[in-house]
Amino acid sequence: YNRFEGWSEKRRRGKNSSPIITEGKHEAIISLEMWEKVKALFAKKS
C-alpha cells in the first residue's frame, strides 16, 4: 500500500520509496517461491 504518494501534485512522478508491505489476510494464488522467481526474472529483464 502507498506505492505512490502525492501523485497528482508531483506530475505523476510521486513514487514512494518506502510503501507499506506486509503479510495479507487473504489467501495467495501463487506460492512465494513463484513470486520470488518472477520478481527476479522481471528485475533481470526490465
All heavy atoms as atom14 arrays in JSON, in Angstrom:
{
  "sequence": "YNRFEGWSEKRRRGKNSSPIITEGKHEAIISLEMWEKVKALFAKKS",
  "atom14_mask": [
    [1, 1, 1, 1, 1, 1, 1, 1, 1, 1, 1, 1, 0, 0],
    [1, 1, 1, 1, 1, 1, 1, 1, 0, 0, 0, 0, 0, 0],
    [1, 1, 1, 1, 1, 1, 1, 1, 1, 1, 1, 0, 0, 0],
    [1, 1, 1, 1, 1, 1, 1, 1, 1, 1, 1, 0, 0, 0],
    [1, 1, 1, 1, 1, 1, 1, 1, 1, 0, 0, 0, 0, 0],
    [1, 1, 1, 1, 0, 0, 0, 0, 0, 0, 0, 0, 0, 0],
    [1, 1, 1, 1, 1, 1, 1, 1, 1, 1, 1, 1, 1, 1],
    [1, 1, 1, 1, 1, 1, 0, 0, 0, 0, 0, 0, 0, 0],
    [1, 1, 1, 1, 1, 1, 1, 1, 1, 0, 0, 0, 0, 0],
    [1, 1, 1, 1, 1, 1, 1, 1, 1, 0, 0, 0, 0, 0],
    [1, 1, 1, 1, 1, 1, 1, 1, 1, 1, 1, 0, 0, 0],
    [1, 1, 1, 1, 1, 1, 1, 1, 1, 1, 1, 0, 0, 0],
    [1, 1, 1, 1, 1, 1, 1, 1, 1, 1, 1, 0, 0, 0],
    [1, 1, 1, 1, 0, 0, 0, 0, 0, 0, 0, 0, 0, 0],
    [1, 1, 1, 1, 1, 1, 1, 1, 1, 0, 0, 0, 0, 0],
    [1, 1, 1, 1, 1, 1, 1, 1, 0, 0, 0, 0, 0, 0],
    [1, 1, 1, 1, 1, 1, 0, 0, 0, 0, 0, 0, 0, 0],
    [1, 1, 1, 1, 1, 1, 0, 0, 0, 0, 0, 0, 0, 0],
    [1, 1, 1, 1, 1, 1, 1, 0, 0, 0, 0, 0, 0, 0],
    [1, 1, 1, 1, 1, 1, 1, 1, 0, 0, 0, 0, 0, 0],
    [1, 1, 1, 1, 1, 1, 1, 1, 0, 0, 0, 0, 0, 0],
    [1, 1, 1, 1, 1, 1, 1, 0, 0, 0, 0, 0, 0, 0],
    [1, 1, 1, 1, 1, 1, 1, 1, 1, 0, 0, 0, 0, 0],
    [1, 1, 1, 1, 0, 0, 0, 0, 0, 0, 0, 0, 0, 0],
    [1, 1, 1, 1, 1, 1, 1, 1, 1, 0, 0, 0, 0, 0],
    [1, 1, 1, 1, 1, 1, 1, 1, 1, 1, 0, 0, 0, 0],
    [1, 1, 1, 1, 1, 1, 1, 1, 1, 0, 0, 0, 0, 0],
    [1, 1, 1, 1, 1, 0, 0, 0, 0, 0, 0, 0, 0, 0],
    [1, 1, 1, 1, 1, 1, 1, 1, 0, 0, 0, 0, 0, 0],
    [1, 1, 1, 1, 1, 1, 1, 1, 0, 0, 0, 0, 0, 0],
    [1, 1, 1, 1, 1, 1, 0, 0, 0, 0, 0, 0, 0, 0],
    [1, 1, 1, 1, 1, 1, 1, 1, 0, 0, 0, 0, 0, 0],
    [1, 1, 1, 1, 1, 1, 1, 1, 1, 0, 0, 0, 0, 0],
    [1, 1, 1, 1, 1, 1, 1, 1, 0, 0, 0, 0, 0, 0],
    [1, 1, 1, 1, 1, 1, 1, 1, 1, 1, 1, 1, 1, 1],
    [1, 1, 1, 1, 1, 1, 1, 1, 1, 0, 0, 0, 0, 0],
    [1, 1, 1, 1, 1, 1, 1, 1, 1, 0, 0, 0, 0, 0],
    [1, 1, 1, 1, 1, 1, 1, 0, 0, 0, 0, 0, 0, 0],
    [1, 1, 1, 1, 1, 1, 1, 1, 1, 0, 0, 0, 0, 0],
    [1, 1, 1, 1, 1, 0, 0, 0, 0, 0, 0, 0, 0, 0],
    [1, 1, 1, 1, 1, 1, 1, 1, 0, 0, 0, 0, 0, 0],
    [1, 1, 1, 1, 1, 1, 1, 1, 1, 1, 1, 0, 0, 0],
    [1, 1, 1, 1, 1, 0, 0, 0, 0, 0, 0, 0, 0, 0],
    [1, 1, 1, 1, 1, 1, 1, 1, 1, 0, 0, 0, 0, 0],
    [1, 1, 1, 1, 1, 1, 1, 1, 1, 0, 0, 0, 0, 0],
    [1, 1, 1, 1, 1, 1, 0, 0, 0, 0, 0, 0, 0, 0]
  ],
  "atom14_positions": [
    [[0.83, -1.19, 0.0], [0.0, 0.0, 0.0], [0.87, 1.25, 0.0], [1.97, 1.24, 0.54], [-0.92, 0.01, 1.23], [-1.81, 1.22, 1.28], [-2.87, 1.37, 0.4], [-1.56, 2.25, 2.18], [-3.67, 2.49, 0.42], [-2.36, 3.37, 2.21], [-3.42, 3.49, 1.33], [-4.21, 4.6, 1.34], [0.0, 0.0, 0.0], [0.0, 0.0, 0.0]],
    [[0.37, 2.29, -0.6], [1.03, 3.59, -0.62], [2.26, 3.57, -1.55], [3.29, 4.15, -1.24], [1.41, 4.04, 0.78], [1.38, 5.54, 0.93], [0.75, 6.22, 0.14], [2.07, 6.05, 1.92], [0.0, 0.0, 0.0], [0.0, 0.0, 0.0], [0.0, 0.0, 0.0], [0.0, 0.0, 0.0], [0.0, 0.0, 0.0], [0.0, 0.0, 0.0]],
    [[2.11, 2.88, -2.67], [3.19, 2.8, -3.66], [3.45, 4.17, -4.28], [4.57, 4.5, -4.63], [2.81, 1.8, -4.74], [3.88, 1.55, -5.75], [3.58, 0.38, -6.64], [2.32, 0.46, -7.33], [2.09, -0.09, -8.51], [3.03, -0.76, -9.11], [0.92, 0.01, -9.08], [0.0, 0.0, 0.0], [0.0, 0.0, 0.0], [0.0, 0.0, 0.0]],
    [[2.39, 4.97, -4.41], [2.53, 6.32, -4.94], [2.03, 7.31, -3.89], [1.05, 7.06, -3.21], [1.69, 6.48, -6.21], [2.1, 5.54, -7.3], [1.32, 4.44, -7.61], [3.27, 5.75, -8.01], [1.7, 3.57, -8.61], [3.67, 4.88, -9.01], [2.88, 3.78, -9.31], [0.0, 0.0, 0.0], [0.0, 0.0, 0.0], [0.0, 0.0, 0.0]],
    [[2.73, 8.42, -3.78], [2.36, 9.44, -2.8], [2.47, 10.8, -3.47], [3.46, 11.09, -4.15], [3.31, 9.36, -1.61], [2.72, 9.83, -0.32], [3.62, 9.47, 0.85], [4.83, 9.7, 0.77], [3.08, 8.96, 1.83], [0.0, 0.0, 0.0], [0.0, 0.0, 0.0], [0.0, 0.0, 0.0], [0.0, 0.0, 0.0], [0.0, 0.0, 0.0]],
    [[1.46, 11.64, -3.31], [1.49, 12.94, -3.94], [1.5, 12.84, -5.46], [2.09, 13.65, -6.15], [0.0, 0.0, 0.0], [0.0, 0.0, 0.0], [0.0, 0.0, 0.0], [0.0, 0.0, 0.0], [0.0, 0.0, 0.0], [0.0, 0.0, 0.0], [0.0, 0.0, 0.0], [0.0, 0.0, 0.0], [0.0, 0.0, 0.0], [0.0, 0.0, 0.0]],
    [[0.81, 11.83, -5.98], [0.8, 11.51, -7.41], [0.31, 12.69, -8.24], [0.89, 13.03, -9.26], [-0.08, 10.29, -7.61], [-0.1, 9.69, -8.97], [-1.13, 9.73, -9.86], [0.94, 8.94, -9.6], [-0.8, 9.05, -11.0], [0.47, 8.55, -10.87], [2.22, 8.56, -9.24], [1.21, 7.81, -11.77], [2.96, 7.82, -10.13], [2.46, 7.45, -11.38]],
    [[-0.74, 13.35, -7.8], [-1.3, 14.45, -8.6], [-0.48, 15.73, -8.47], [-0.38, 16.5, -9.41], [-2.76, 14.71, -8.21], [-2.84, 15.01, -6.83], [0.0, 0.0, 0.0], [0.0, 0.0, 0.0], [0.0, 0.0, 0.0], [0.0, 0.0, 0.0], [0.0, 0.0, 0.0], [0.0, 0.0, 0.0], [0.0, 0.0, 0.0], [0.0, 0.0, 0.0]],
    [[0.15, 15.95, -7.33], [0.95, 17.16, -7.14], [2.32, 17.06, -7.81], [2.92, 18.06, -8.16], [1.18, 17.47, -5.65], [-0.08, 17.82, -4.89], [-0.76, 16.6, -4.29], [-0.06, 15.62, -3.95], [-1.99, 16.62, -4.19], [0.0, 0.0, 0.0], [0.0, 0.0, 0.0], [0.0, 0.0, 0.0], [0.0, 0.0, 0.0], [0.0, 0.0, 0.0]],
    [[2.84, 15.87, -7.94], [4.19, 15.69, -8.47], [4.19, 15.31, -9.95], [5.11, 14.64, -10.41], [4.93, 14.62, -7.65], [5.16, 15.06, -6.22], [5.91, 14.0, -5.45], [6.08, 14.43, -4.01], [6.71, 13.4, -3.2], [0.0, 0.0, 0.0], [0.0, 0.0, 0.0], [0.0, 0.0, 0.0], [0.0, 0.0, 0.0], [0.0, 0.0, 0.0]],
    [[3.15, 15.66, -10.64], [3.04, 15.4, -12.09], [3.28, 13.94, -12.43], [4.12, 13.6, -13.26], [3.99, 16.3, -12.85], [3.66, 17.75, -12.71], [4.61, 18.56, -13.57], [4.28, 19.95, -13.45], [3.74, 20.68, -14.42], [3.46, 20.14, -15.56], [3.48, 21.94, -14.23], [0.0, 0.0, 0.0], [0.0, 0.0, 0.0], [0.0, 0.0, 0.0]],
    [[2.58, 13.06, -11.74], [2.62, 11.62, -11.98], [3.99, 10.99, -11.7], [4.34, 9.98, -12.25], [2.21, 11.3, -13.42], [0.84, 11.8, -13.76], [-0.16, 10.75, -13.47], [-1.43, 11.09, -14.03], [-2.56, 10.98, -13.36], [-2.57, 10.56, -12.15], [-3.69, 11.28, -13.94], [0.0, 0.0, 0.0], [0.0, 0.0, 0.0], [0.0, 0.0, 0.0]],
    [[4.8, 11.63, -10.87], [6.09, 11.07, -10.54], [6.23, 10.87, -9.03], [7.32, 10.9, -8.5], [7.21, 11.99, -11.03], [7.38, 11.96, -12.52], [8.43, 12.96, -12.95], [8.87, 12.94, -14.32], [8.13, 12.92, -15.42], [6.83, 12.85, -15.33], [8.65, 12.96, -16.61], [0.0, 0.0, 0.0], [0.0, 0.0, 0.0], [0.0, 0.0, 0.0]],
    [[5.14, 10.67, -8.35], [5.16, 10.58, -6.9], [5.36, 9.17, -6.36], [4.6, 8.71, -5.54], [0.0, 0.0, 0.0], [0.0, 0.0, 0.0], [0.0, 0.0, 0.0], [0.0, 0.0, 0.0], [0.0, 0.0, 0.0], [0.0, 0.0, 0.0], [0.0, 0.0, 0.0], [0.0, 0.0, 0.0], [0.0, 0.0, 0.0], [0.0, 0.0, 0.0]],
    [[6.4, 8.46, -6.84], [6.66, 7.12, -6.32], [7.18, 7.21, -4.89], [8.06, 8.01, -4.6], [7.69, 6.4, -7.19], [7.07, 5.79, -8.41], [7.87, 4.62, -8.87], [7.04, 3.9, -9.92], [7.59, 2.65, -10.29], [0.0, 0.0, 0.0], [0.0, 0.0, 0.0], [0.0, 0.0, 0.0], [0.0, 0.0, 0.0], [0.0, 0.0, 0.0]],
    [[6.62, 6.38, -4.03], [7.03, 6.34, -2.64], [8.16, 5.31, -2.49], [8.01, 4.17, -2.91], [5.83, 5.95, -1.78], [6.11, 5.99, -0.3], [7.21, 6.29, 0.13], [5.1, 5.68, 0.49], [0.0, 0.0, 0.0], [0.0, 0.0, 0.0], [0.0, 0.0, 0.0], [0.0, 0.0, 0.0], [0.0, 0.0, 0.0], [0.0, 0.0, 0.0]],
    [[9.27, 5.72, -1.9], [10.41, 4.81, -1.77], [10.21, 3.76, -0.67], [10.91, 2.76, -0.64], [11.68, 5.6, -1.5], [11.53, 6.35, -0.31], [0.0, 0.0, 0.0], [0.0, 0.0, 0.0], [0.0, 0.0, 0.0], [0.0, 0.0, 0.0], [0.0, 0.0, 0.0], [0.0, 0.0, 0.0], [0.0, 0.0, 0.0], [0.0, 0.0, 0.0]],
    [[9.25, 4.0, 0.22], [9.02, 3.02, 1.29], [7.52, 2.76, 1.49], [6.93, 3.23, 2.46], [9.66, 3.5, 2.59], [9.13, 4.77, 2.93], [0.0, 0.0, 0.0], [0.0, 0.0, 0.0], [0.0, 0.0, 0.0], [0.0, 0.0, 0.0], [0.0, 0.0, 0.0], [0.0, 0.0, 0.0], [0.0, 0.0, 0.0], [0.0, 0.0, 0.0]],
    [[6.9, 2.02, 0.55], [5.48, 1.7, 0.72], [5.29, 0.69, 1.86], [6.25, 0.06, 2.32], [5.1, 1.07, -0.62], [6.36, 0.51, -1.14], [7.46, 1.41, -0.65], [0.0, 0.0, 0.0], [0.0, 0.0, 0.0], [0.0, 0.0, 0.0], [0.0, 0.0, 0.0], [0.0, 0.0, 0.0], [0.0, 0.0, 0.0], [0.0, 0.0, 0.0]],
    [[4.07, 0.57, 2.32], [3.73, -0.41, 3.36], [3.64, -1.78, 2.69], [2.86, -1.97, 1.76], [2.41, -0.05, 4.04], [2.53, 1.29, 4.76], [1.97, -1.15, 5.0], [1.22, 1.86, 5.25], [0.0, 0.0, 0.0], [0.0, 0.0, 0.0], [0.0, 0.0, 0.0], [0.0, 0.0, 0.0], [0.0, 0.0, 0.0], [0.0, 0.0, 0.0]],
    [[4.45, -2.73, 3.15], [4.42, -4.09, 2.63], [4.31, -5.02, 3.82], [5.17, -5.02, 4.7], [5.68, -4.41, 1.8], [5.73, -3.48, 0.58], [5.7, -5.86, 1.38], [6.96, -3.61, -0.25], [0.0, 0.0, 0.0], [0.0, 0.0, 0.0], [0.0, 0.0, 0.0], [0.0, 0.0, 0.0], [0.0, 0.0, 0.0], [0.0, 0.0, 0.0]],
    [[3.25, -5.81, 3.86], [3.01, -6.71, 4.98], [2.28, -7.97, 4.53], [1.71, -8.0, 3.43], [2.21, -5.97, 6.08], [2.1, -6.79, 7.22], [0.83, -5.61, 5.62], [0.0, 0.0, 0.0], [0.0, 0.0, 0.0], [0.0, 0.0, 0.0], [0.0, 0.0, 0.0], [0.0, 0.0, 0.0], [0.0, 0.0, 0.0], [0.0, 0.0, 0.0]],
    [[2.3, -8.97, 5.36], [1.58, -10.21, 5.06], [0.08, -9.94, 5.08], [-0.44, -9.33, 6.0], [1.93, -11.28, 6.09], [1.34, -12.63, 5.76], [1.74, -13.69, 6.77], [2.77, -13.52, 7.44], [0.99, -14.68, 6.89], [0.0, 0.0, 0.0], [0.0, 0.0, 0.0], [0.0, 0.0, 0.0], [0.0, 0.0, 0.0], [0.0, 0.0, 0.0]],
    [[-0.6, -10.4, 4.03], [-2.02, -10.14, 3.9], [-2.89, -11.15, 4.64], [-2.44, -12.25, 4.97], [0.0, 0.0, 0.0], [0.0, 0.0, 0.0], [0.0, 0.0, 0.0], [0.0, 0.0, 0.0], [0.0, 0.0, 0.0], [0.0, 0.0, 0.0], [0.0, 0.0, 0.0], [0.0, 0.0, 0.0], [0.0, 0.0, 0.0], [0.0, 0.0, 0.0]],
    [[-4.14, -10.76, 4.85], [-5.11, -11.64, 5.49], [-5.84, -12.5, 4.46], [-6.74, -13.25, 4.8], [-6.15, -10.81, 6.25], [-5.58, -9.93, 7.32], [-5.73, -10.56, 8.65], [-5.26, -9.55, 9.7], [-4.9, -10.16, 10.92], [0.0, 0.0, 0.0], [0.0, 0.0, 0.0], [0.0, 0.0, 0.0], [0.0, 0.0, 0.0], [0.0, 0.0, 0.0]],
    [[-5.47, -12.37, 3.2], [-6.12, -13.13, 2.14], [-5.25, -14.31, 1.71], [-4.07, -14.36, 2.0], [-6.39, -12.21, 0.94], [-5.16, -11.62, 0.34], [-4.49, -10.56, 0.9], [-4.44, -11.97, -0.76], [-3.43, -10.27, 0.17], [-3.38, -11.12, -0.84], [0.0, 0.0, 0.0], [0.0, 0.0, 0.0], [0.0, 0.0, 0.0], [0.0, 0.0, 0.0]],
    [[-5.9, -15.24, 1.03], [-5.2, -16.44, 0.54], [-4.42, -16.1, -0.73], [-4.89, -15.36, -1.59], [-6.25, -17.52, 0.24], [-5.67, -18.87, -0.03], [-6.77, -19.91, -0.28], [-7.9, -19.7, 0.18], [-6.46, -20.91, -0.93], [0.0, 0.0, 0.0], [0.0, 0.0, 0.0], [0.0, 0.0, 0.0], [0.0, 0.0, 0.0], [0.0, 0.0, 0.0]],
    [[-3.23, -16.63, -0.85], [-2.39, -16.39, -2.02], [-2.83, -17.27, -3.19], [-3.3, -18.38, -2.99], [-0.93, -16.69, -1.68], [0.0, 0.0, 0.0], [0.0, 0.0, 0.0], [0.0, 0.0, 0.0], [0.0, 0.0, 0.0], [0.0, 0.0, 0.0], [0.0, 0.0, 0.0], [0.0, 0.0, 0.0], [0.0, 0.0, 0.0], [0.0, 0.0, 0.0]],
    [[-2.66, -16.75, -4.39], [-2.94, -17.53, -5.6], [-1.69, -18.27, -6.05], [-1.76, -19.4, -6.52], [-3.48, -16.61, -6.73], [-4.86, -16.07, -6.34], [-3.54, -17.34, -8.06], [-5.45, -15.1, -7.32], [0.0, 0.0, 0.0], [0.0, 0.0, 0.0], [0.0, 0.0, 0.0], [0.0, 0.0, 0.0], [0.0, 0.0, 0.0], [0.0, 0.0, 0.0]],
    [[-0.54, -17.62, -5.89], [0.73, -18.25, -6.27], [1.61, -18.41, -5.03], [1.4, -17.75, -4.02], [1.48, -17.42, -7.34], [1.79, -16.03, -6.81], [0.71, -17.36, -8.64], [2.86, -15.31, -7.57], [0.0, 0.0, 0.0], [0.0, 0.0, 0.0], [0.0, 0.0, 0.0], [0.0, 0.0, 0.0], [0.0, 0.0, 0.0], [0.0, 0.0, 0.0]],
    [[2.59, -19.28, -5.13], [3.48, -19.52, -3.99], [4.52, -18.39, -3.88], [4.78, -17.67, -4.86], [4.21, -20.85, -4.17], [5.09, -20.76, -5.27], [0.0, 0.0, 0.0], [0.0, 0.0, 0.0], [0.0, 0.0, 0.0], [0.0, 0.0, 0.0], [0.0, 0.0, 0.0], [0.0, 0.0, 0.0], [0.0, 0.0, 0.0], [0.0, 0.0, 0.0]],
    [[5.1, -18.25, -2.72], [6.17, -17.26, -2.52], [7.37, -17.57, -3.41], [8.04, -16.65, -3.89], [6.59, -17.2, -1.06], [5.69, -16.37, -0.14], [6.12, -16.51, 1.31], [5.67, -14.92, -0.55], [0.0, 0.0, 0.0], [0.0, 0.0, 0.0], [0.0, 0.0, 0.0], [0.0, 0.0, 0.0], [0.0, 0.0, 0.0], [0.0, 0.0, 0.0]],
    [[7.64, -18.86, -3.63], [8.75, -19.24, -4.49], [8.52, -18.75, -5.92], [9.43, -18.21, -6.56], [8.94, -20.77, -4.5], [9.38, -21.35, -3.18], [8.23, -21.53, -2.18], [7.06, -21.68, -2.59], [8.51, -21.47, -0.97], [0.0, 0.0, 0.0], [0.0, 0.0, 0.0], [0.0, 0.0, 0.0], [0.0, 0.0, 0.0], [0.0, 0.0, 0.0]],
    [[7.3, -18.93, -6.42], [6.96, -18.47, -7.77], [7.07, -16.94, -7.82], [7.59, -16.38, -8.78], [5.55, -18.92, -8.16], [5.07, -18.36, -9.49], [6.0, -18.94, -10.91], [5.15, -20.45, -11.26], [0.0, 0.0, 0.0], [0.0, 0.0, 0.0], [0.0, 0.0, 0.0], [0.0, 0.0, 0.0], [0.0, 0.0, 0.0], [0.0, 0.0, 0.0]],
    [[6.57, -16.27, -6.78], [6.64, -14.8, -6.73], [8.09, -14.32, -6.79], [8.43, -13.42, -7.56], [5.95, -14.29, -5.47], [6.26, -12.86, -5.15], [7.0, -12.39, -4.11], [5.86, -11.71, -5.89], [7.09, -11.02, -4.17], [6.4, -10.57, -5.25], [5.11, -11.52, -7.05], [6.2, -9.28, -5.72], [4.91, -10.22, -7.52], [5.45, -9.13, -6.85]],
    [[8.96, -14.94, -6.0], [10.38, -14.55, -5.98], [11.05, -14.82, -7.32], [11.85, -14.02, -7.79], [11.12, -15.27, -4.85], [10.71, -14.84, -3.46], [10.98, -13.38, -3.15], [11.92, -12.79, -3.72], [10.23, -12.8, -2.34], [0.0, 0.0, 0.0], [0.0, 0.0, 0.0], [0.0, 0.0, 0.0], [0.0, 0.0, 0.0], [0.0, 0.0, 0.0]],
    [[10.71, -15.95, -7.94], [11.29, -16.31, -9.24], [10.89, -15.28, -10.3], [11.74, -14.78, -11.05], [10.84, -17.71, -9.65], [11.39, -18.16, -10.98], [10.93, -19.57, -11.3], [11.52, -20.03, -12.64], [11.09, -21.38, -12.97], [0.0, 0.0, 0.0], [0.0, 0.0, 0.0], [0.0, 0.0, 0.0], [0.0, 0.0, 0.0], [0.0, 0.0, 0.0]],
    [[9.61, -14.95, -10.36], [9.11, -14.0, -11.35], [9.65, -12.6, -11.07], [10.04, -11.87, -11.99], [7.56, -14.01, -11.4], [7.0, -12.82, -12.16], [7.06, -15.31, -12.01], [0.0, 0.0, 0.0], [0.0, 0.0, 0.0], [0.0, 0.0, 0.0], [0.0, 0.0, 0.0], [0.0, 0.0, 0.0], [0.0, 0.0, 0.0], [0.0, 0.0, 0.0]],
    [[9.72, -12.24, -9.81], [10.26, -10.92, -9.43], [11.73, -10.79, -9.87], [12.13, -9.76, -10.43], [10.14, -10.76, -7.91], [10.52, -9.42, -7.38], [10.22, -9.39, -5.89], [11.03, -8.36, -5.17], [10.83, -8.4, -3.73], [0.0, 0.0, 0.0], [0.0, 0.0, 0.0], [0.0, 0.0, 0.0], [0.0, 0.0, 0.0], [0.0, 0.0, 0.0]],
    [[12.52, -11.84, -9.67], [13.93, -11.82, -10.07], [14.06, -11.77, -11.6], [14.89, -11.04, -12.13], [14.64, -13.05, -9.52], [0.0, 0.0, 0.0], [0.0, 0.0, 0.0], [0.0, 0.0, 0.0], [0.0, 0.0, 0.0], [0.0, 0.0, 0.0], [0.0, 0.0, 0.0], [0.0, 0.0, 0.0], [0.0, 0.0, 0.0], [0.0, 0.0, 0.0]],
    [[13.23, -12.54, -12.3], [13.24, -12.52, -13.76], [12.89, -11.14, -14.3], [13.52, -10.64, -15.23], [12.24, -13.54, -14.32], [12.74, -14.92, -14.65], [11.58, -15.85, -14.98], [13.72, -14.88, -15.8], [0.0, 0.0, 0.0], [0.0, 0.0, 0.0], [0.0, 0.0, 0.0], [0.0, 0.0, 0.0], [0.0, 0.0, 0.0], [0.0, 0.0, 0.0]],
    [[11.87, -10.53, -13.7], [11.44, -9.21, -14.15], [12.54, -8.18, -13.91], [12.8, -7.33, -14.76], [10.14, -8.8, -13.45], [9.57, -7.51, -13.97], [8.86, -7.49, -15.17], [9.75, -6.32, -13.3], [8.35, -6.3, -15.67], [9.24, -5.14, -13.79], [8.53, -5.13, -14.98], [0.0, 0.0, 0.0], [0.0, 0.0, 0.0], [0.0, 0.0, 0.0]],
    [[13.18, -8.25, -12.76], [14.26, -7.31, -12.44], [15.43, -7.49, -13.41], [16.07, -6.51, -13.8], [14.72, -7.52, -11.01], [0.0, 0.0, 0.0], [0.0, 0.0, 0.0], [0.0, 0.0, 0.0], [0.0, 0.0, 0.0], [0.0, 0.0, 0.0], [0.0, 0.0, 0.0], [0.0, 0.0, 0.0], [0.0, 0.0, 0.0], [0.0, 0.0, 0.0]],
    [[15.67, -8.71, -13.81], [16.76, -9.02, -14.75], [16.45, -8.48, -16.15], [17.32, -7.93, -16.83], [16.97, -10.53, -14.79], [18.13, -10.99, -15.61], [18.24, -12.5, -15.49], [19.23, -13.07, -16.47], [19.25, -14.53, -16.42], [0.0, 0.0, 0.0], [0.0, 0.0, 0.0], [0.0, 0.0, 0.0], [0.0, 0.0, 0.0], [0.0, 0.0, 0.0]],
    [[15.18, -8.63, -16.57], [14.78, -8.22, -17.92], [14.49, -6.72, -18.04], [14.65, -6.15, -19.1], [13.5, -8.97, -18.34], [13.69, -10.42, -18.66], [12.36, -11.0, -19.1], [12.46, -12.44, -19.49], [11.16, -12.95, -19.96], [0.0, 0.0, 0.0], [0.0, 0.0, 0.0], [0.0, 0.0, 0.0], [0.0, 0.0, 0.0], [0.0, 0.0, 0.0]],
    [[13.99, -6.12, -16.97], [13.5, -4.75, -17.05], [14.51, -3.76, -16.5], [15.0, -3.91, -15.4], [12.21, -4.65, -16.25], [11.77, -3.31, -16.2], [0.0, 0.0, 0.0], [0.0, 0.0, 0.0], [0.0, 0.0, 0.0], [0.0, 0.0, 0.0], [0.0, 0.0, 0.0], [0.0, 0.0, 0.0], [0.0, 0.0, 0.0], [0.0, 0.0, 0.0]]
  ]
}
